[in-house]
N, C-alpha and C. Protein backbone atom coordinates (compact mmCIF):
# COMPACT_ATOMS: atom_id res chain seq x y z
N UNK A 1 -66.60 97.63 -35.18
CA UNK A 1 -67.08 99.25 -35.72
C UNK A 1 -65.90 98.68 -36.71
N UNK A 2 -66.26 100.30 -37.61
CA UNK A 2 -65.63 100.58 -38.79
C UNK A 2 -64.46 101.30 -38.54
N UNK A 3 -63.76 101.32 -39.54
CA UNK A 3 -62.37 101.65 -40.24
C UNK A 3 -61.89 102.87 -41.06
N UNK A 4 -61.21 103.67 -41.56
CA UNK A 4 -61.17 104.19 -42.65
C UNK A 4 -60.83 103.25 -43.57
N UNK A 5 -61.21 103.80 -44.92
CA UNK A 5 -61.16 102.67 -46.17
C UNK A 5 -62.00 101.28 -46.34
N UNK A 6 -62.87 101.47 -45.22
CA UNK A 6 -64.10 100.14 -44.96
C UNK A 6 -64.34 100.80 -46.31
N UNK A 7 -65.39 100.02 -47.25
CA UNK A 7 -66.36 100.29 -47.94
C UNK A 7 -67.52 100.40 -47.05
N UNK A 8 -68.24 101.40 -46.66
CA UNK A 8 -69.29 102.25 -45.91
C UNK A 8 -70.37 101.31 -46.57
N UNK A 9 -71.04 100.97 -45.24
CA UNK A 9 -72.26 100.20 -45.69
C UNK A 9 -73.39 100.69 -45.88
N UNK A 10 -74.41 100.38 -47.08
CA UNK A 10 -74.97 100.84 -48.01
C UNK A 10 -76.57 101.04 -46.72
N UNK A 11 -76.92 102.09 -47.04
CA UNK A 11 -78.47 102.65 -46.24
C UNK A 11 -79.21 102.92 -47.18
N UNK A 12 -80.40 102.99 -46.39
CA UNK A 12 -82.11 103.56 -46.90
C UNK A 12 -82.97 103.43 -45.59
N UNK A 13 -83.42 104.94 -45.90
CA UNK A 13 -84.44 105.10 -44.45
C UNK A 13 -84.97 106.54 -45.59
N UNK A 14 -85.87 106.68 -44.60
CA UNK A 14 -86.68 107.94 -44.77
C UNK A 14 -86.56 109.03 -44.18
N UNK A 15 -86.56 110.30 -44.95
CA UNK A 15 -86.28 111.73 -43.96
C UNK A 15 -87.42 112.08 -43.44
N UNK A 16 -87.00 113.07 -42.78
CA UNK A 16 -87.90 113.92 -42.10
C UNK A 16 -89.29 114.19 -43.13
N UNK A 17 -89.28 113.81 -44.32
CA UNK A 17 -90.95 114.91 -45.00
C UNK A 17 -91.10 112.89 -45.60
N UNK A 18 -90.86 111.78 -44.99
CA UNK A 18 -91.23 110.61 -45.02
C UNK A 18 -90.55 109.87 -46.72
N UNK A 19 -89.42 110.90 -46.97
CA UNK A 19 -89.07 110.74 -48.60
C UNK A 19 -88.01 109.78 -48.51
N UNK A 20 -87.85 108.82 -49.13
CA UNK A 20 -86.75 107.42 -49.18
C UNK A 20 -85.53 108.26 -49.59
N UNK A 21 -84.57 107.97 -48.91
CA UNK A 21 -83.36 108.24 -49.25
C UNK A 21 -81.70 107.16 -49.24
N UNK A 22 -81.08 106.94 -49.78
CA UNK A 22 -80.57 105.86 -50.34
C UNK A 22 -78.99 106.52 -50.07
N UNK A 23 -78.05 105.75 -49.71
CA UNK A 23 -76.49 105.75 -50.14
C UNK A 23 -76.08 105.80 -51.81
N UNK A 24 -76.70 104.92 -52.31
CA UNK A 24 -77.02 104.84 -53.92
C UNK A 24 -76.87 105.99 -54.29
N UNK A 25 -77.85 106.88 -53.92
CA UNK A 25 -78.19 108.19 -54.50
C UNK A 25 -77.20 108.83 -54.68
N UNK A 26 -76.24 108.77 -53.86
CA UNK A 26 -74.78 109.84 -54.03
C UNK A 26 -73.52 109.32 -54.64
N UNK A 27 -74.09 108.05 -54.78
CA UNK A 27 -72.06 106.92 -55.33
C UNK A 27 -72.00 108.25 -56.97
N UNK A 28 -70.81 108.27 -56.72
CA UNK A 28 -70.23 108.91 -58.23
C UNK A 28 -70.85 110.26 -57.95
N UNK A 29 -70.92 110.71 -57.21
CA UNK A 29 -71.89 112.33 -57.55
C UNK A 29 -71.22 113.16 -55.85
N UNK A 30 -71.39 112.51 -54.68
CA UNK A 30 -71.25 113.33 -53.55
C UNK A 30 -70.65 112.62 -52.52
N UNK A 31 -70.05 113.49 -51.74
CA UNK A 31 -69.54 112.79 -50.66
C UNK A 31 -70.50 112.94 -49.66
N UNK A 32 -70.63 111.96 -48.72
CA UNK A 32 -71.50 112.08 -47.50
C UNK A 32 -71.10 112.12 -46.09
N UNK A 33 -71.63 112.87 -45.19
CA UNK A 33 -71.25 113.33 -44.14
C UNK A 33 -72.17 112.17 -43.26
N UNK A 34 -72.37 111.21 -42.60
CA UNK A 34 -73.22 110.86 -41.93
C UNK A 34 -72.99 110.77 -40.43
N UNK A 35 -74.00 111.53 -39.79
CA UNK A 35 -73.85 111.26 -38.28
C UNK A 35 -74.75 111.27 -37.69
N UNK A 36 -74.20 110.46 -36.99
CA UNK A 36 -75.53 109.58 -35.68
C UNK A 36 -75.27 110.14 -34.11
N UNK A 37 -76.71 110.31 -33.61
CA UNK A 37 -76.80 111.47 -32.76
C UNK A 37 -77.48 110.65 -31.73
N UNK A 38 -78.11 110.94 -30.94
CA UNK A 38 -78.94 110.37 -29.66
C UNK A 38 -80.45 110.58 -30.21
N UNK A 39 -80.78 111.76 -29.80
CA UNK A 39 -82.17 112.11 -29.84
C UNK A 39 -82.32 113.65 -30.12
N UNK A 40 -83.48 113.95 -30.82
CA UNK A 40 -84.13 115.32 -31.32
C UNK A 40 -84.23 116.36 -30.33
N UNK A 41 -83.63 117.17 -30.60
CA UNK A 41 -83.97 118.36 -29.96
C UNK A 41 -83.47 118.11 -27.84
N UNK A 42 -82.12 117.56 -28.22
CA UNK A 42 -81.60 117.66 -26.92
C UNK A 42 -80.29 118.36 -27.26
N UNK A 43 -79.97 118.93 -25.52
CA UNK A 43 -78.57 119.85 -25.91
C UNK A 43 -77.28 119.65 -26.58
N UNK A 44 -76.86 118.71 -26.52
CA UNK A 44 -75.49 118.35 -27.47
C UNK A 44 -76.17 117.80 -29.18
N UNK A 45 -77.29 117.33 -29.17
CA UNK A 45 -77.55 116.83 -30.60
C UNK A 45 -78.03 118.25 -31.46
N UNK A 46 -78.59 119.66 -30.54
CA UNK A 46 -79.00 121.15 -31.22
C UNK A 46 -77.53 121.76 -31.55
N UNK A 47 -76.75 121.51 -30.57
CA UNK A 47 -75.48 122.06 -30.74
C UNK A 47 -74.60 121.46 -32.25
N UNK A 48 -74.70 119.94 -32.37
CA UNK A 48 -74.26 119.54 -33.46
C UNK A 48 -74.83 119.88 -34.57
N UNK A 49 -76.46 119.74 -34.86
CA UNK A 49 -77.26 120.09 -36.02
C UNK A 49 -77.18 121.51 -36.13
N UNK A 50 -77.29 122.51 -35.16
CA UNK A 50 -77.33 123.84 -35.75
C UNK A 50 -75.45 124.06 -36.29
N UNK A 51 -74.23 123.84 -35.76
CA UNK A 51 -73.38 123.90 -36.72
C UNK A 51 -72.97 123.20 -37.63
N UNK A 52 -73.58 121.75 -38.10
CA UNK A 52 -73.62 121.52 -39.27
C UNK A 52 -74.55 122.39 -40.35
N UNK A 53 -75.57 122.99 -39.91
CA UNK A 53 -76.32 124.12 -40.40
C UNK A 53 -75.62 125.14 -40.80
N UNK A 54 -74.53 125.82 -39.83
CA UNK A 54 -74.33 126.91 -40.18
C UNK A 54 -73.10 126.89 -41.51
N UNK A 55 -72.52 125.32 -41.82
CA UNK A 55 -71.36 125.25 -42.27
C UNK A 55 -72.01 124.56 -43.91
N UNK A 56 -73.47 124.43 -44.16
CA UNK A 56 -74.01 123.94 -44.74
C UNK A 56 -73.82 124.37 -46.32
N UNK A 57 -73.58 125.44 -46.53
CA UNK A 57 -73.01 126.22 -47.83
C UNK A 57 -71.48 125.51 -48.10
N UNK A 58 -70.79 125.50 -47.38
CA UNK A 58 -69.57 125.12 -47.02
C UNK A 58 -69.60 123.77 -47.90
N UNK A 59 -70.02 122.96 -47.03
CA UNK A 59 -70.50 121.26 -47.37
C UNK A 59 -70.47 121.22 -48.56
N UNK A 60 -71.82 122.04 -49.35
CA UNK A 60 -72.18 121.83 -50.79
C UNK A 60 -71.33 122.29 -50.85
N UNK A 61 -70.71 123.68 -51.12
CA UNK A 61 -69.15 123.66 -52.05
C UNK A 61 -67.66 122.63 -52.82
N UNK A 62 -68.51 122.19 -51.59
CA UNK A 62 -67.04 120.65 -51.61
C UNK A 62 -67.46 119.41 -52.12
N UNK A 63 -68.78 119.69 -52.69
CA UNK A 63 -70.03 117.86 -52.97
C UNK A 63 -69.98 117.10 -51.96
N UNK A 64 -70.80 117.91 -50.86
CA UNK A 64 -70.87 117.14 -49.77
C UNK A 64 -71.93 117.33 -49.14
N UNK A 65 -73.03 116.55 -49.23
CA UNK A 65 -74.29 116.50 -47.89
C UNK A 65 -73.99 116.00 -46.76
N UNK A 66 -74.77 116.49 -45.73
CA UNK A 66 -74.99 116.21 -44.77
C UNK A 66 -75.70 115.74 -44.29
N UNK A 67 -75.75 114.00 -43.68
CA UNK A 67 -77.30 113.37 -43.47
C UNK A 67 -77.02 112.93 -41.97
N UNK A 68 -77.90 113.47 -40.86
CA UNK A 68 -78.18 112.95 -39.38
C UNK A 68 -79.36 111.80 -39.67
N UNK A 69 -78.51 111.07 -38.49
CA UNK A 69 -79.37 109.86 -38.57
C UNK A 69 -80.00 109.40 -37.19
N UNK A 70 -80.96 109.30 -36.61
CA UNK A 70 -81.49 109.15 -35.01
C UNK A 70 -82.26 107.92 -35.42
N UNK A 71 -82.87 107.24 -34.04
CA UNK A 71 -83.97 106.20 -34.14
C UNK A 71 -85.19 107.09 -34.01
N UNK A 72 -85.41 108.52 -33.79
CA UNK A 72 -86.19 108.92 -33.93
C UNK A 72 -87.30 109.45 -35.04
N UNK A 73 -88.58 109.49 -34.89
CA UNK A 73 -89.51 109.28 -36.04
C UNK A 73 -89.58 110.53 -37.06
N UNK A 74 -90.43 110.91 -38.26
CA UNK A 74 -90.40 111.33 -39.22
C UNK A 74 -90.78 112.67 -38.66
N UNK A 75 -91.18 112.67 -37.89
CA UNK A 75 -92.39 113.71 -37.51
C UNK A 75 -91.76 114.16 -36.48
N UNK A 76 -90.78 113.83 -35.67
CA UNK A 76 -89.90 113.98 -34.66
C UNK A 76 -88.80 114.75 -35.35
N UNK A 77 -88.25 114.51 -36.43
CA UNK A 77 -87.21 115.34 -37.12
C UNK A 77 -87.56 116.48 -37.71
N UNK A 78 -88.83 116.42 -38.31
CA UNK A 78 -89.43 117.71 -39.05
C UNK A 78 -89.49 118.62 -38.03
N UNK A 79 -90.23 118.27 -36.81
CA UNK A 79 -90.24 120.01 -35.55
C UNK A 79 -88.42 119.62 -35.45
N UNK A 80 -87.90 119.39 -35.04
CA UNK A 80 -86.46 119.32 -34.87
C UNK A 80 -86.33 120.55 -36.02
N UNK A 81 -86.30 120.01 -36.90
CA UNK A 81 -85.68 121.30 -38.20
C UNK A 81 -86.71 122.37 -38.17
N UNK A 82 -87.59 122.57 -37.94
CA UNK A 82 -88.80 123.58 -38.06
C UNK A 82 -88.05 124.39 -37.05
N UNK A 83 -87.72 123.87 -35.83
CA UNK A 83 -87.79 124.52 -34.37
C UNK A 83 -86.28 125.31 -34.81
N UNK A 84 -85.12 124.93 -35.34
CA UNK A 84 -83.97 125.34 -35.08
C UNK A 84 -83.17 125.80 -36.39
N UNK A 85 -84.62 125.58 -38.02
CA UNK A 85 -84.14 126.19 -39.13
C UNK A 85 -83.23 125.28 -39.45
N UNK A 86 -82.93 124.01 -39.33
CA UNK A 86 -82.20 123.44 -39.97
C UNK A 86 -81.55 123.17 -41.59
N UNK A 87 -80.94 122.78 -42.24
CA UNK A 87 -80.59 122.93 -42.86
C UNK A 87 -79.66 121.75 -43.63
N UNK A 88 -80.48 120.18 -43.13
CA UNK A 88 -79.64 119.20 -43.45
C UNK A 88 -80.93 117.98 -43.86
N UNK A 89 -80.60 116.58 -44.15
CA UNK A 89 -81.29 115.86 -43.71
C UNK A 89 -81.52 114.78 -42.75
N UNK A 90 -82.29 114.50 -41.94
CA UNK A 90 -82.51 113.68 -41.09
C UNK A 90 -83.30 112.23 -41.38
N UNK A 91 -82.61 110.91 -40.93
CA UNK A 91 -83.17 110.20 -41.36
C UNK A 91 -83.69 109.11 -40.21
N UNK A 92 -84.85 109.09 -40.72
CA UNK A 92 -85.63 108.15 -39.36
C UNK A 92 -85.29 106.48 -39.27
N UNK A 93 -84.16 106.33 -38.74
CA UNK A 93 -83.69 104.49 -38.72
C UNK A 93 -84.77 104.21 -37.40
N UNK A 94 -85.78 103.72 -37.44
CA UNK A 94 -86.70 103.78 -36.64
C UNK A 94 -86.35 102.07 -36.02
N UNK A 95 -86.13 101.11 -37.16
CA UNK A 95 -85.55 99.82 -37.13
C UNK A 95 -84.36 99.59 -35.83
N UNK A 96 -83.82 100.76 -36.50
CA UNK A 96 -81.80 100.72 -35.84
C UNK A 96 -81.48 99.93 -37.00
N UNK A 97 -81.65 99.14 -38.14
CA UNK A 97 -80.72 98.92 -38.79
C UNK A 97 -79.46 99.63 -39.54
N UNK A 98 -79.51 100.71 -39.49
CA UNK A 98 -78.52 101.99 -40.15
C UNK A 98 -77.76 101.66 -38.74
N UNK A 99 -78.11 102.09 -37.49
CA UNK A 99 -77.26 102.36 -36.65
C UNK A 99 -76.66 101.28 -36.42
N UNK A 100 -76.90 99.30 -36.27
CA UNK A 100 -76.31 98.42 -36.28
C UNK A 100 -75.14 98.27 -37.20
N UNK A 101 -75.39 98.63 -38.82
CA UNK A 101 -74.78 98.33 -39.34
C UNK A 101 -73.48 99.09 -39.50
N UNK A 102 -73.76 100.25 -38.66
CA UNK A 102 -72.22 101.55 -38.56
C UNK A 102 -71.77 101.31 -36.88
N UNK A 103 -72.19 100.29 -36.32
CA UNK A 103 -71.51 100.04 -34.96
C UNK A 103 -72.00 101.14 -34.06
N UNK A 104 -73.11 102.57 -34.21
CA UNK A 104 -73.44 103.29 -33.38
C UNK A 104 -74.11 102.18 -32.02
N UNK A 105 -74.77 101.48 -32.36
CA UNK A 105 -76.20 101.15 -31.33
C UNK A 105 -75.34 100.14 -30.09
N UNK A 106 -74.83 100.77 -29.44
CA UNK A 106 -74.12 100.21 -28.34
C UNK A 106 -74.87 100.46 -26.74
N UNK A 107 -73.94 99.16 -26.01
CA UNK A 107 -74.46 99.72 -24.66
C UNK A 107 -73.61 100.11 -23.91
N UNK A 108 -73.89 101.49 -23.18
CA UNK A 108 -73.27 102.38 -22.48
C UNK A 108 -73.69 102.57 -20.81
N UNK A 109 -72.71 102.64 -20.00
CA UNK A 109 -73.58 102.62 -18.64
C UNK A 109 -72.77 103.96 -18.09
N UNK A 110 -74.31 104.31 -17.02
CA UNK A 110 -73.93 105.59 -16.56
C UNK A 110 -74.44 105.06 -15.15
N UNK A 111 -73.72 105.86 -14.21
CA UNK A 111 -74.28 105.60 -12.90
C UNK A 111 -74.60 104.51 -12.22
N UNK A 112 -74.06 103.34 -13.28
CA UNK A 112 -74.16 101.68 -12.37
C UNK A 112 -75.44 101.42 -13.50
N UNK A 113 -76.12 101.60 -14.13
CA UNK A 113 -77.28 101.41 -14.77
C UNK A 113 -76.74 101.23 -16.13
N UNK A 114 -76.61 100.10 -17.12
CA UNK A 114 -76.78 99.77 -18.42
C UNK A 114 -77.82 99.77 -19.20
N UNK A 115 -77.67 100.62 -20.65
CA UNK A 115 -78.27 100.54 -21.61
C UNK A 115 -77.75 100.77 -22.26
N UNK A 116 -78.96 100.36 -23.85
CA UNK A 116 -78.09 100.62 -25.11
C UNK A 116 -78.53 101.99 -25.19
N UNK A 117 -77.97 102.09 -26.46
CA UNK A 117 -78.29 103.74 -26.81
C UNK A 117 -77.39 103.75 -28.08
N UNK A 118 -77.57 105.37 -29.14
CA UNK A 118 -76.84 105.69 -30.04
C UNK A 118 -75.73 106.20 -29.41
N UNK A 119 -74.34 106.10 -29.76
CA UNK A 119 -73.07 106.45 -29.33
C UNK A 119 -73.01 107.34 -30.73
N UNK A 120 -72.71 108.62 -30.04
CA UNK A 120 -72.61 109.94 -30.83
C UNK A 120 -71.31 109.77 -31.81
N UNK A 121 -71.73 109.62 -33.55
CA UNK A 121 -70.29 109.15 -34.28
C UNK A 121 -70.69 109.88 -35.77
N UNK A 122 -69.63 109.98 -36.23
CA UNK A 122 -69.60 110.10 -37.44
C UNK A 122 -68.77 110.07 -38.47
N UNK A 123 -69.21 109.47 -39.58
CA UNK A 123 -68.44 108.73 -40.96
C UNK A 123 -68.68 109.54 -41.93
N UNK A 124 -67.13 110.01 -42.73
CA UNK A 124 -67.07 110.78 -44.03
C UNK A 124 -67.27 109.48 -45.56
N UNK A 125 -68.37 109.19 -46.29
CA UNK A 125 -68.24 108.80 -47.26
C UNK A 125 -67.48 109.63 -48.75
N UNK A 126 -66.74 108.72 -49.22
CA UNK A 126 -66.20 109.39 -50.02
C UNK A 126 -67.36 108.84 -51.39
N UNK A 127 -67.00 109.89 -52.87
CA UNK A 127 -68.23 109.83 -53.55
C UNK A 127 -68.16 107.79 -54.53
N UNK A 128 -66.96 106.99 -53.97
CA UNK A 128 -66.61 105.81 -54.35
C UNK A 128 -67.24 104.96 -53.34
N UNK A 129 -67.71 105.64 -52.26
CA UNK A 129 -68.34 104.85 -51.12
C UNK A 129 -67.36 104.12 -50.08
N UNK A 130 -66.51 104.30 -50.40
CA UNK A 130 -65.37 104.17 -48.87
C UNK A 130 -65.52 105.21 -48.03
N UNK A 131 -65.30 105.02 -46.88
CA UNK A 131 -64.85 105.68 -45.38
C UNK A 131 -63.53 106.53 -45.66
N UNK A 132 -63.69 107.88 -45.62
CA UNK A 132 -62.76 108.30 -45.05
C UNK A 132 -62.09 108.57 -43.57
N UNK A 133 -63.06 108.29 -43.43
CA UNK A 133 -63.23 108.74 -41.74
C UNK A 133 -64.24 107.67 -41.09
N UNK A 134 -64.24 107.17 -39.76
CA UNK A 134 -65.30 106.48 -38.91
C UNK A 134 -64.67 106.96 -36.95
N UNK A 135 -65.33 108.00 -37.17
CA UNK A 135 -65.14 108.45 -35.68
C UNK A 135 -66.32 107.85 -34.75
N UNK A 136 -65.75 107.61 -34.23
CA UNK A 136 -67.08 107.19 -32.50
C UNK A 136 -66.92 107.93 -31.53
N UNK A 137 -68.11 108.05 -30.58
CA UNK A 137 -67.93 108.87 -29.24
C UNK A 137 -67.32 110.16 -29.58
N UNK A 138 -67.92 110.73 -30.49
CA UNK A 138 -67.48 112.29 -31.04
C UNK A 138 -67.79 113.37 -29.59
N UNK A 139 -67.53 114.61 -29.73
CA UNK A 139 -67.92 115.50 -28.33
C UNK A 139 -68.79 116.46 -29.92
N UNK A 140 -69.65 117.12 -29.47
CA UNK A 140 -71.03 117.79 -30.45
C UNK A 140 -70.42 119.31 -30.77
N UNK A 141 -69.40 119.88 -29.85
CA UNK A 141 -68.96 121.03 -29.57
C UNK A 141 -67.29 121.07 -30.88
N UNK A 142 -67.84 121.69 -31.81
CA UNK A 142 -66.75 122.10 -32.70
C UNK A 142 -66.08 120.90 -33.63
N UNK A 143 -67.74 120.07 -33.39
CA UNK A 143 -67.72 118.80 -34.55
C UNK A 143 -67.60 118.86 -35.85
N UNK A 144 -68.69 119.97 -36.10
CA UNK A 144 -68.90 120.25 -37.81
C UNK A 144 -67.63 121.31 -38.27
N UNK A 145 -67.30 121.63 -37.48
CA UNK A 145 -65.68 122.10 -37.62
C UNK A 145 -64.55 121.58 -38.36
N UNK A 146 -64.41 120.39 -37.71
CA UNK A 146 -63.37 119.27 -37.34
C UNK A 146 -63.43 118.87 -38.74
N UNK A 147 -65.21 118.12 -38.94
CA UNK A 147 -65.36 117.20 -39.93
C UNK A 147 -65.23 117.67 -41.80
N UNK A 148 -65.84 119.42 -41.85
CA UNK A 148 -65.42 120.16 -42.64
C UNK A 148 -63.81 120.43 -43.06
N UNK A 149 -63.31 120.46 -41.98
CA UNK A 149 -61.63 120.86 -42.26
C UNK A 149 -60.72 119.22 -43.04
N UNK A 150 -61.35 118.06 -42.75
CA UNK A 150 -61.52 116.56 -42.74
C UNK A 150 -62.18 116.98 -44.72
N UNK A 151 -62.88 117.05 -44.72
CA UNK A 151 -63.53 117.13 -46.15
C UNK A 151 -62.55 118.02 -47.19
N UNK A 152 -62.27 119.18 -46.39
CA UNK A 152 -61.16 120.16 -47.43
C UNK A 152 -59.85 119.52 -47.55
N UNK A 153 -59.22 118.77 -46.76
CA UNK A 153 -58.38 117.90 -47.10
C UNK A 153 -58.58 116.67 -48.08
N UNK A 154 -59.40 115.85 -48.49
CA UNK A 154 -59.99 115.36 -49.21
C UNK A 154 -60.09 115.72 -50.51
N UNK A 155 -60.73 117.16 -50.98
CA UNK A 155 -60.88 117.44 -51.84
C UNK A 155 -59.60 118.11 -52.97
């Protein structure tokens, strides 16, 4: 697992429009809120995405970009964005490489059944490429606001 002050693993993947997005695009320019979620258009993931969208202008005013990551396809991401008018980038980590690099692809057990899944997690990466926060197993409710408050303290 990653910790505060660790160098953030670099990432590169396509977004909802099949455009290549890289962490290097933001070095020395923007902070990054990189949040991992299990699946497009599911209850918790929708709450989280809508909350980040509601605060998009505040994140932007703090030189911060919000990027969501799941293993869903570009097409699925675009449908999710269109359905809820989301104002954020969603990366299609179909290979799972970014999930692995950030340690969010984990075995979980529910009702005695073990399976691998994305554990809802958020990382704040500063403009120099280091982690300001590494939060695993977060709850979607009020999470975007908590992340915004952390960014405000950084500024």
